Amino acid sequence: MSGRIYLPVLHSFENNNVFTGSFGPFRYKITPNVVMRNAKEVNNEQSSMKAEYWHGPLCYEYSDVEGEKTFVMTEPGLAQMRDWLDAQI
């Protein structure tokens, strides 16, 4: 696991929760796109998480996004997203 970026557990994204975080002036937002296999089960292979980042003191709504990338909603996808965000700092 990388040392700078904190991300919640995958279950948080499976429940359609948006997550924002920061590391110094580096800010990021992760937005899930959940696809259900049935009424109670998430289809993780079809679901995704979009990560966006920017630098500065302002929130998402008042900032210019500098980059974005979408990852599959799996544990390996979560690890890839953490590594990608770490590399953007």
PDB file of N, CA and C in Angstrom:
ATOM      1  N   MET A   1       0.842  -1.182   0.000  1.00  0.00           N
ATOM      2  CA  MET A   1       0.000   0.000   0.000  1.00  0.00           C
ATOM      3  C   MET A   1       0.883   1.240   0.000  1.00  0.00           C
ATOM      4  N   SER A   2       0.497   2.230  -0.740  1.00  0.00           N
ATOM      5  CA  SER A   2       1.206   3.503  -0.813  1.00  0.00           C
ATOM      6  C   SER A   2       1.049   4.260   0.493  1.00  0.00           C
ATOM      7  N   GLY A   3       1.904   5.261   0.689  1.00  0.00           N
ATOM      8  CA  GLY A   3       1.902   5.948   1.956  1.00  0.00           C
ATOM      9  C   GLY A   3       1.187   7.278   2.020  1.00  0.00           C
ATOM     10  N   ARG A   4       0.889   7.922   0.907  1.00  0.00           N
ATOM     11  CA  ARG A   4       0.367   9.283   0.967  1.00  0.00           C
ATOM     12  C   ARG A   4      -1.140   9.397   0.848  1.00  0.00           C
ATOM     13  N   ILE A   5      -1.731   8.651  -0.031  1.00  0.00           N
ATOM     14  CA  ILE A   5      -3.163   8.777  -0.313  1.00  0.00           C
ATOM     15  C   ILE A   5      -3.968   7.802   0.537  1.00  0.00           C
ATOM     16  N   TYR A   6      -5.001   8.327   1.194  1.00  0.00           N
ATOM     17  CA  TYR A   6      -5.928   7.485   1.951  1.00  0.00           C
ATOM     18  C   TYR A   6      -7.189   7.285   1.117  1.00  0.00           C
ATOM     19  N   LEU A   7      -7.632   6.046   1.011  1.00  0.00           N
ATOM     20  CA  LEU A   7      -8.901   5.720   0.364  1.00  0.00           C
ATOM     21  C   LEU A   7      -9.694   4.811   1.288  1.00  0.00           C
ATOM     22  N   PRO A   8     -11.014   4.946   1.306  1.00  0.00           N
ATOM     23  CA  PRO A   8     -11.822   4.047   2.134  1.00  0.00           C
ATOM     24  C   PRO A   8     -11.845   2.646   1.527  1.00  0.00           C
ATOM     25  N   VAL A   9     -12.439   1.723   2.238  1.00  0.00           N
ATOM     26  CA  VAL A   9     -12.575   0.356   1.737  1.00  0.00           C
ATOM     27  C   VAL A   9     -13.528   0.338   0.544  1.00  0.00           C
ATOM     28  N   LEU A  10     -13.404  -0.676  -0.273  1.00  0.00           N
ATOM     29  CA  LEU A  10     -14.197  -0.806  -1.497  1.00  0.00           C
ATOM     30  C   LEU A  10     -15.700  -0.757  -1.212  1.00  0.00           C
ATOM     31  N   HIS A  11     -16.109  -1.308  -0.080  1.00  0.00           N
ATOM     32  CA  HIS A  11     -17.528  -1.352   0.281  1.00  0.00           C
ATOM     33  C   HIS A  11     -18.156   0.049   0.307  1.00  0.00           C
ATOM     34  N   SER A  12     -17.384   1.046   0.663  1.00  0.00           N
ATOM     35  CA  SER A  12     -17.890   2.422   0.676  1.00  0.00           C
ATOM     36  C   SER A  12     -18.316   2.855  -0.731  1.00  0.00           C
ATOM     37  N   PHE A  13     -17.507   2.532  -1.735  1.00  0.00           N
ATOM     38  CA  PHE A  13     -17.850   2.883  -3.113  1.00  0.00           C
ATOM     39  C   PHE A  13     -18.999   2.026  -3.637  1.00  0.00           C
ATOM     40  N   GLU A  14     -19.058   0.756  -3.208  1.00  0.00           N
ATOM     41  CA  GLU A  14     -20.166  -0.114  -3.602  1.00  0.00           C
ATOM     42  C   GLU A  14     -21.502   0.432  -3.114  1.00  0.00           C
ATOM     43  N   ASN A  15     -21.476   1.226  -2.047  1.00  0.00           N
ATOM     44  CA  ASN A  15     -22.684   1.848  -1.518  1.00  0.00           C
ATOM     45  C   ASN A  15     -22.925   3.226  -2.118  1.00  0.00           C
ATOM     46  N   ASN A  16     -22.228   3.515  -3.214  1.00  0.00           N
ATOM     47  CA  ASN A  16     -22.430   4.734  -4.001  1.00  0.00           C
ATOM     48  C   ASN A  16     -22.012   6.006  -3.267  1.00  0.00           C
ATOM     49  N   ASN A  17     -21.032   5.889  -2.378  1.00  0.00           N
ATOM     50  CA  ASN A  17     -20.532   7.048  -1.646  1.00  0.00           C
ATOM     51  C   ASN A  17     -19.418   7.744  -2.412  1.00  0.00           C
ATOM     52  N   VAL A  18     -19.520   9.054  -2.553  1.00  0.00           N
ATOM     53  CA  VAL A  18     -18.464   9.874  -3.129  1.00  0.00           C
ATOM     54  C   VAL A  18     -17.450  10.132  -2.016  1.00  0.00           C
ATOM     55  N   PHE A  19     -16.162  10.169  -2.368  1.00  0.00           N
ATOM     56  CA  PHE A  19     -15.112  10.392  -1.377  1.00  0.00           C
ATOM     57  C   PHE A  19     -14.195  11.515  -1.843  1.00  0.00           C
ATOM     58  N   THR A  20     -13.872  12.421  -0.942  1.00  0.00           N
ATOM     59  CA  THR A  20     -12.892  13.463  -1.236  1.00  0.00           C
ATOM     60  C   THR A  20     -11.778  13.384  -0.207  1.00  0.00           C
ATOM     61  N   GLY A  21     -10.578  13.788  -0.630  1.00  0.00           N
ATOM     62  CA  GLY A  21      -9.439  13.780   0.276  1.00  0.00           C
ATOM     63  C   GLY A  21      -8.386  14.762  -0.183  1.00  0.00           C
ATOM     64  N   SER A  22      -7.330  14.865   0.617  1.00  0.00           N
ATOM     65  CA  SER A  22      -6.248  15.785   0.281  1.00  0.00           C
ATOM     66  C   SER A  22      -4.942  15.306   0.882  1.00  0.00           C
ATOM     67  N   PHE A  23      -3.861  15.825   0.324  1.00  0.00           N
ATOM     68  CA  PHE A  23      -2.514  15.628   0.848  1.00  0.00           C
ATOM     69  C   PHE A  23      -1.785  16.937   0.587  1.00  0.00           C
ATOM     70  N   GLY A  24      -1.664  17.778   1.613  1.00  0.00           N
ATOM     71  CA  GLY A  24      -1.132  19.121   1.399  1.00  0.00           C
ATOM     72  C   GLY A  24      -2.048  19.864   0.447  1.00  0.00           C
ATOM     73  N   PRO A  25      -1.494  20.510  -0.601  1.00  0.00           N
ATOM     74  CA  PRO A  25      -2.335  21.238  -1.549  1.00  0.00           C
ATOM     75  C   PRO A  25      -2.995  20.339  -2.607  1.00  0.00           C
ATOM     76  N   PHE A  26      -2.670  19.048  -2.599  1.00  0.00           N
ATOM     77  CA  PHE A  26      -3.227  18.093  -3.553  1.00  0.00           C
ATOM     78  C   PHE A  26      -4.615  17.661  -3.074  1.00  0.00           C
ATOM     79  N   ARG A  27      -5.618  17.798  -3.934  1.00  0.00           N
ATOM     80  CA  ARG A  27      -7.000  17.435  -3.607  1.00  0.00           C
ATOM     81  C   ARG A  27      -7.495  16.386  -4.610  1.00  0.00           C
ATOM     82  N   TYR A  28      -8.363  15.506  -4.143  1.00  0.00           N
ATOM     83  CA  TYR A  28      -8.917  14.498  -5.044  1.00  0.00           C
ATOM     84  C   TYR A  28     -10.351  14.147  -4.657  1.00  0.00           C
ATOM     85  N   LYS A  29     -11.080  13.687  -5.672  1.00  0.00           N
ATOM     86  CA  LYS A  29     -12.472  13.280  -5.503  1.00  0.00           C
ATOM     87  C   LYS A  29     -12.682  11.979  -6.264  1.00  0.00           C
ATOM     88  N   ILE A  30     -13.362  11.027  -5.637  1.00  0.00           N
ATOM     89  CA  ILE A  30     -13.654   9.753  -6.273  1.00  0.00           C
ATOM     90  C   ILE A  30     -15.165   9.566  -6.309  1.00  0.00           C
ATOM     91  N   THR A  31     -15.692   9.337  -7.515  1.00  0.00           N
ATOM     92  CA  THR A  31     -17.122   9.187  -7.721  1.00  0.00           C
ATOM     93  C   THR A  31     -17.395   7.792  -8.284  1.00  0.00           C
ATOM     94  N   PRO A  32     -18.187   6.990  -7.574  1.00  0.00           N
ATOM     95  CA  PRO A  32     -18.478   5.647  -8.079  1.00  0.00           C
ATOM     96  C   PRO A  32     -19.596   5.649  -9.118  1.00  0.00           C
ATOM     97  N   ASN A  33     -19.550   4.669  -9.995  1.00  0.00           N
ATOM     98  CA  ASN A  33     -20.629   4.380 -10.939  1.00  0.00           C
ATOM     99  C   ASN A  33     -20.994   2.919 -10.701  1.00  0.00           C
ATOM    100  N   VAL A  34     -22.025   2.694  -9.896  1.00  0.00           N
ATOM    101  CA  VAL A  34     -22.379   1.348  -9.454  1.00  0.00           C
ATOM    102  C   VAL A  34     -23.366   0.711 -10.423  1.00  0.00           C
ATOM    103  N   VAL A  35     -23.045  -0.512 -10.852  1.00  0.00           N
ATOM    104  CA  VAL A  35     -23.926  -1.326 -11.682  1.00  0.00           C
ATOM    105  C   VAL A  35     -24.325  -2.535 -10.836  1.00  0.00           C
ATOM    106  N   MET A  36     -25.620  -2.744 -10.700  1.00  0.00           N
ATOM    107  CA  MET A  36     -26.114  -3.838  -9.875  1.00  0.00           C
ATOM    108  C   MET A  36     -26.276  -5.122 -10.693  1.00  0.00           C
ATOM    109  N   ARG A  37     -25.849  -6.240 -10.103  1.00  0.00           N
ATOM    110  CA  ARG A  37     -26.038  -7.560 -10.706  1.00  0.00           C
ATOM    111  C   ARG A  37     -27.501  -7.988 -10.515  1.00  0.00           C
ATOM    112  N   ASN A  38     -28.025  -7.686  -9.340  1.00  0.00           N
ATOM    113  CA  ASN A  38     -29.441  -7.888  -9.021  1.00  0.00           C
ATOM    114  C   ASN A  38     -29.798  -6.863  -7.945  1.00  0.00           C
ATOM    115  N   ALA A  39     -30.949  -6.991  -7.326  1.00  0.00           N
ATOM    116  CA  ALA A  39     -31.408  -5.969  -6.374  1.00  0.00           C
ATOM    117  C   ALA A  39     -30.493  -5.795  -5.165  1.00  0.00           C
ATOM    118  N   LYS A  40     -29.697  -6.801  -4.839  1.00  0.00           N
ATOM    119  CA  LYS A  40     -28.872  -6.736  -3.628  1.00  0.00           C
ATOM    120  C   LYS A  40     -27.382  -6.904  -3.868  1.00  0.00           C
ATOM    121  N   GLU A  41     -26.970  -7.148  -5.087  1.00  0.00           N
ATOM    122  CA  GLU A  41     -25.570  -7.479  -5.345  1.00  0.00           C
ATOM    123  C   GLU A  41     -24.957  -6.551  -6.409  1.00  0.00           C
ATOM    124  N   VAL A  42     -23.816  -5.958  -6.061  1.00  0.00           N
ATOM    125  CA  VAL A  42     -23.094  -5.080  -6.985  1.00  0.00           C
ATOM    126  C   VAL A  42     -22.306  -5.922  -7.978  1.00  0.00           C
ATOM    127  N   ASN A  43     -22.335  -5.535  -9.243  1.00  0.00           N
ATOM    128  CA  ASN A  43     -21.497  -6.157 -10.266  1.00  0.00           C
ATOM    129  C   ASN A  43     -20.200  -5.357 -10.325  1.00  0.00           C
ATOM    130  N   ASN A  44     -19.219  -5.793  -9.558  1.00  0.00           N
ATOM    131  CA  ASN A  44     -17.976  -5.035  -9.437  1.00  0.00           C
ATOM    132  C   ASN A  44     -17.224  -4.918 -10.755  1.00  0.00           C
ATOM    133  N   GLU A  45     -17.275  -5.940 -11.583  1.00  0.00           N
ATOM    134  CA  GLU A  45     -16.541  -5.903 -12.850  1.00  0.00           C
ATOM    135  C   GLU A  45     -17.135  -4.886 -13.823  1.00  0.00           C
ATOM    136  N   GLN A  46     -18.431  -4.596 -13.684  1.00  0.00           N
ATOM    137  CA  GLN A  46     -19.101  -3.613 -14.542  1.00  0.00           C
ATOM    138  C   GLN A  46     -19.128  -2.216 -13.908  1.00  0.00           C
ATOM    139  N   SER A  47     -18.892  -2.148 -12.603  1.00  0.00           N
ATOM    140  CA  SER A  47     -18.908  -0.874 -11.883  1.00  0.00           C
ATOM    141  C   SER A  47     -17.542  -0.203 -11.985  1.00  0.00           C
ATOM    142  N   SER A  48     -17.528   1.109 -11.775  1.00  0.00           N
ATOM    143  CA  SER A  48     -16.265   1.841 -11.884  1.00  0.00           C
ATOM    144  C   SER A  48     -16.188   2.963 -10.849  1.00  0.00           C
ATOM    145  N   MET A  49     -14.975   3.514 -10.717  1.00  0.00           N
ATOM    146  CA  MET A  49     -14.715   4.640  -9.829  1.00  0.00           C
ATOM    147  C   MET A  49     -13.911   5.664 -10.619  1.00  0.00           C
ATOM    148  N   LYS A  50     -14.422   6.885 -10.695  1.00  0.00           N
ATOM    149  CA  LYS A  50     -13.718   7.949 -11.413  1.00  0.00           C
ATOM    150  C   LYS A  50     -12.970   8.806 -10.403  1.00  0.00           C
ATOM    151  N   ALA A  51     -11.657   8.888 -10.572  1.00  0.00           N
ATOM    152  CA  ALA A  51     -10.819   9.715  -9.713  1.00  0.00           C
ATOM    153  C   ALA A  51     -10.475  10.997 -10.458  1.00  0.00           C
ATOM    154  N   GLU A  52     -10.613  12.126  -9.776  1.00  0.00           N
ATOM    155  CA  GLU A  52     -10.260  13.436 -10.319  1.00  0.00           C
ATOM    156  C   GLU A  52      -9.355  14.136  -9.304  1.00  0.00           C
ATOM    157  N   TYR A  53      -8.416  14.948  -9.798  1.00  0.00           N
ATOM    158  CA  TYR A  53      -7.543  15.659  -8.863  1.00  0.00           C
ATOM    159  C   TYR A  53      -7.287  17.089  -9.322  1.00  0.00           C
ATOM    160  N   TRP A  54      -6.876  17.911  -8.356  1.00  0.00           N
ATOM    161  CA  TRP A  54      -6.512  19.305  -8.591  1.00  0.00           C
ATOM    162  C   TRP A  54      -5.604  19.742  -7.447  1.00  0.00           C
ATOM    163  N   HIS A  55      -4.960  20.865  -7.619  1.00  0.00           N
ATOM    164  CA  HIS A  55      -4.105  21.437  -6.571  1.00  0.00           C
ATOM    165  C   HIS A  55      -4.685  22.779  -6.145  1.00  0.00           C
ATOM    166  N   GLY A  56      -4.555  23.099  -4.873  1.00  0.00           N
ATOM    167  CA  GLY A  56      -4.978  24.405  -4.399  1.00  0.00           C
ATOM    168  C   GLY A  56      -5.838  24.338  -3.162  1.00  0.00           C
ATOM    169  N   PRO A  57      -6.191  25.502  -2.641  1.00  0.00           N
ATOM    170  CA  PRO A  57      -6.938  25.561  -1.380  1.00  0.00           C
ATOM    171  C   PRO A  57      -8.450  25.434  -1.529  1.00  0.00           C
ATOM    172  N   LEU A  58      -8.954  25.449  -2.759  1.00  0.00           N
ATOM    173  CA  LEU A  58     -10.403  25.500  -2.958  1.00  0.00           C
ATOM    174  C   LEU A  58     -11.017  24.117  -3.152  1.00  0.00           C
ATOM    175  N   CYS A  59     -12.320  24.036  -2.892  1.00  0.00           N
ATOM    176  CA  CYS A  59     -13.056  22.789  -3.056  1.00  0.00           C
ATOM    177  C   CYS A  59     -13.246  22.471  -4.543  1.00  0.00           C
ATOM    178  N   TYR A  60     -13.780  21.296  -4.798  1.00  0.00           N
ATOM    179  CA  TYR A  60     -13.995  20.797  -6.149  1.00  0.00           C
ATOM    180  C   TYR A  60     -14.781  21.782  -7.011  1.00  0.00           C
ATOM    181  N   GLU A  61     -15.871  22.310  -6.463  1.00  0.00           N
ATOM    182  CA  GLU A  61     -16.759  23.179  -7.230  1.00  0.00           C
ATOM    183  C   GLU A  61     -16.100  24.478  -7.677  1.00  0.00           C
ATOM    184  N   TYR A  62     -15.043  24.908  -6.990  1.00  0.00           N
ATOM    185  CA  TYR A  62     -14.374  26.173  -7.310  1.00  0.00           C
ATOM    186  C   TYR A  62     -12.964  25.974  -7.867  1.00  0.00           C
ATOM    187  N   SER A  63     -12.654  24.768  -8.308  1.00  0.00           N
ATOM    188  CA  SER A  63     -11.319  24.469  -8.809  1.00  0.00           C
ATOM    189  C   SER A  63     -11.378  23.937 -10.232  1.00  0.00           C
ATOM    190  N   ASP A  64     -10.235  23.974 -10.894  1.00  0.00           N
ATOM    191  CA  ASP A  64     -10.104  23.372 -12.220  1.00  0.00           C
ATOM    192  C   ASP A  64      -9.477  22.000 -12.057  1.00  0.00           C
ATOM    193  N   VAL A  65     -10.192  20.960 -12.488  1.00  0.00           N
ATOM    194  CA  VAL A  65      -9.681  19.600 -12.416  1.00  0.00           C
ATOM    195  C   VAL A  65      -8.498  19.479 -13.365  1.00  0.00           C
ATOM    196  N   GLU A  66      -7.391  18.942 -12.864  1.00  0.00           N
ATOM    197  CA  GLU A  66      -6.164  18.811 -13.653  1.00  0.00           C
ATOM    198  C   GLU A  66      -6.040  17.457 -14.336  1.00  0.00           C
ATOM    199  N   GLY A  67      -6.727  16.465 -13.820  1.00  0.00           N
ATOM    200  CA  GLY A  67      -6.654  15.137 -14.422  1.00  0.00           C
ATOM    201  C   GLY A  67      -7.721  14.229 -13.873  1.00  0.00           C
ATOM    202  N   GLU A  68      -8.054  13.209 -14.648  1.00  0.00           N
ATOM    203  CA  GLU A  68      -9.039  12.221 -14.209  1.00  0.00           C
ATOM    204  C   GLU A  68      -8.754  10.886 -14.864  1.00  0.00           C
ATOM    205  N   LYS A  69      -9.165   9.828 -14.182  1.00  0.00           N
ATOM    206  CA  LYS A  69      -8.988   8.476 -14.700  1.00  0.00           C
ATOM    207  C   LYS A  69     -10.032   7.583 -14.037  1.00  0.00           C
ATOM    208  N   THR A  70     -10.540   6.615 -14.783  1.00  0.00           N
ATOM    209  CA  THR A  70     -11.558   5.703 -14.283  1.00  0.00           C
ATOM    210  C   THR A  70     -10.954   4.327 -14.064  1.00  0.00           C
ATOM    211  N   PHE A  71     -11.365   3.699 -12.960  1.00  0.00           N
ATOM    212  CA  PHE A  71     -10.845   2.393 -12.564  1.00  0.00           C
ATOM    213  C   PHE A  71     -12.006   1.446 -12.302  1.00  0.00           C
ATOM    214  N   VAL A  72     -11.781   0.148 -12.537  1.00  0.00           N
ATOM    215  CA  VAL A  72     -12.804  -0.855 -12.253  1.00  0.00           C
ATOM    216  C   VAL A  72     -12.960  -0.962 -10.733  1.00  0.00           C
ATOM    217  N   MET A  73     -14.175  -1.231 -10.279  1.00  0.00           N
ATOM    218  CA  MET A  73     -14.477  -1.261  -8.851  1.00  0.00           C
ATOM    219  C   MET A  73     -14.158  -2.630  -8.252  1.00  0.00           C
ATOM    220  N   THR A  74     -12.867  -2.921  -8.169  1.00  0.00           N
ATOM    221  CA  THR A  74     -12.362  -4.149  -7.562  1.00  0.00           C
ATOM    222  C   THR A  74     -11.200  -3.770  -6.652  1.00  0.00           C
ATOM    223  N   GLU A  75     -10.747  -4.709  -5.829  1.00  0.00           N
ATOM    224  CA  GLU A  75      -9.588  -4.434  -4.965  1.00  0.00           C
ATOM    225  C   GLU A  75      -8.349  -4.066  -5.798  1.00  0.00           C
ATOM    226  N   PRO A  76      -8.040  -4.799  -6.897  1.00  0.00           N
ATOM    227  CA  PRO A  76      -6.912  -4.364  -7.729  1.00  0.00           C
ATOM    228  C   PRO A  76      -7.131  -2.977  -8.329  1.00  0.00           C
ATOM    229  N   GLY A  77      -8.365  -2.656  -8.726  1.00  0.00           N
ATOM    230  CA  GLY A  77      -8.668  -1.328  -9.252  1.00  0.00           C
ATOM    231  C   GLY A  77      -8.456  -0.249  -8.207  1.00  0.00           C
ATOM    232  N   LEU A  78      -8.829  -0.533  -6.967  1.00  0.00           N
ATOM    233  CA  LEU A  78      -8.627   0.408  -5.867  1.00  0.00           C
ATOM    234  C   LEU A  78      -7.136   0.653  -5.631  1.00  0.00           C
ATOM    235  N   ALA A  79      -6.345  -0.412  -5.681  1.00  0.00           N
ATOM    236  CA  ALA A  79      -4.892  -0.274  -5.512  1.00  0.00           C
ATOM    237  C   ALA A  79      -4.277   0.517  -6.672  1.00  0.00           C
ATOM    238  N   GLN A  80      -4.734   0.264  -7.895  1.00  0.00           N
ATOM    239  CA  GLN A  80      -4.240   1.015  -9.052  1.00  0.00           C
ATOM    240  C   GLN A  80      -4.592   2.486  -8.931  1.00  0.00           C
ATOM    241  N   MET A  81      -5.800   2.793  -8.444  1.00  0.00           N
ATOM    242  CA  MET A  81      -6.208   4.181  -8.271  1.00  0.00           C
ATOM    243  C   MET A  81      -5.336   4.867  -7.227  1.00  0.00           C
ATOM    244  N   ARG A  82      -5.066   4.196  -6.108  1.00  0.00           N
ATOM    245  CA  ARG A  82      -4.215   4.768  -5.069  1.00  0.00           C
ATOM    246  C   ARG A  82      -2.819   5.073  -5.632  1.00  0.00           C
ATOM    247  N   ASP A  83      -2.263   4.134  -6.373  1.00  0.00           N
ATOM    248  CA  ASP A  83      -0.932   4.343  -6.966  1.00  0.00           C
ATOM    249  C   ASP A  83      -0.957   5.501  -7.964  1.00  0.00           C
ATOM    250  N   TRP A  84      -2.011   5.584  -8.775  1.00  0.00           N
ATOM    251  CA  TRP A  84      -2.113   6.661  -9.769  1.00  0.00           C
ATOM    252  C   TRP A  84      -2.220   8.013  -9.080  1.00  0.00           C
ATOM    253  N   LEU A  85      -3.055   8.108  -8.057  1.00  0.00           N
ATOM    254  CA  LEU A  85      -3.179   9.362  -7.322  1.00  0.00           C
ATOM    255  C   LEU A  85      -1.860   9.744  -6.653  1.00  0.00           C
ATOM    256  N   ASP A  86      -1.199   8.776  -6.045  1.00  0.00           N
ATOM    257  CA  ASP A  86       0.116   9.033  -5.429  1.00  0.00           C
ATOM    258  C   ASP A  86       1.095   9.628  -6.444  1.00  0.00           C
ATOM    259  N   ALA A  87       1.056   9.109  -7.665  1.00  0.00           N
ATOM    260  CA  ALA A  87       1.986   9.574  -8.708  1.00  0.00           C
ATOM    261  C   ALA A  87       1.668  10.996  -9.171  1.00  0.00           C
ATOM    262  N   GLN A  88       0.467  11.480  -8.915  1.00  0.00           N
ATOM    263  CA  GLN A  88       0.079  12.825  -9.368  1.00  0.00           C
ATOM    264  C   GLN A  88       0.506  13.931  -8.400  1.00  0.00           C
ATOM    265  N   ILE A  89       0.870  13.544  -7.189  1.00  0.00           N
ATOM    266  CA  ILE A  89       1.238  14.550  -6.159  1.00  0.00           C
ATOM    267  C   ILE A  89       2.497  15.289  -6.580  1.00  0.00           C
TER     268      ILE A  89
END
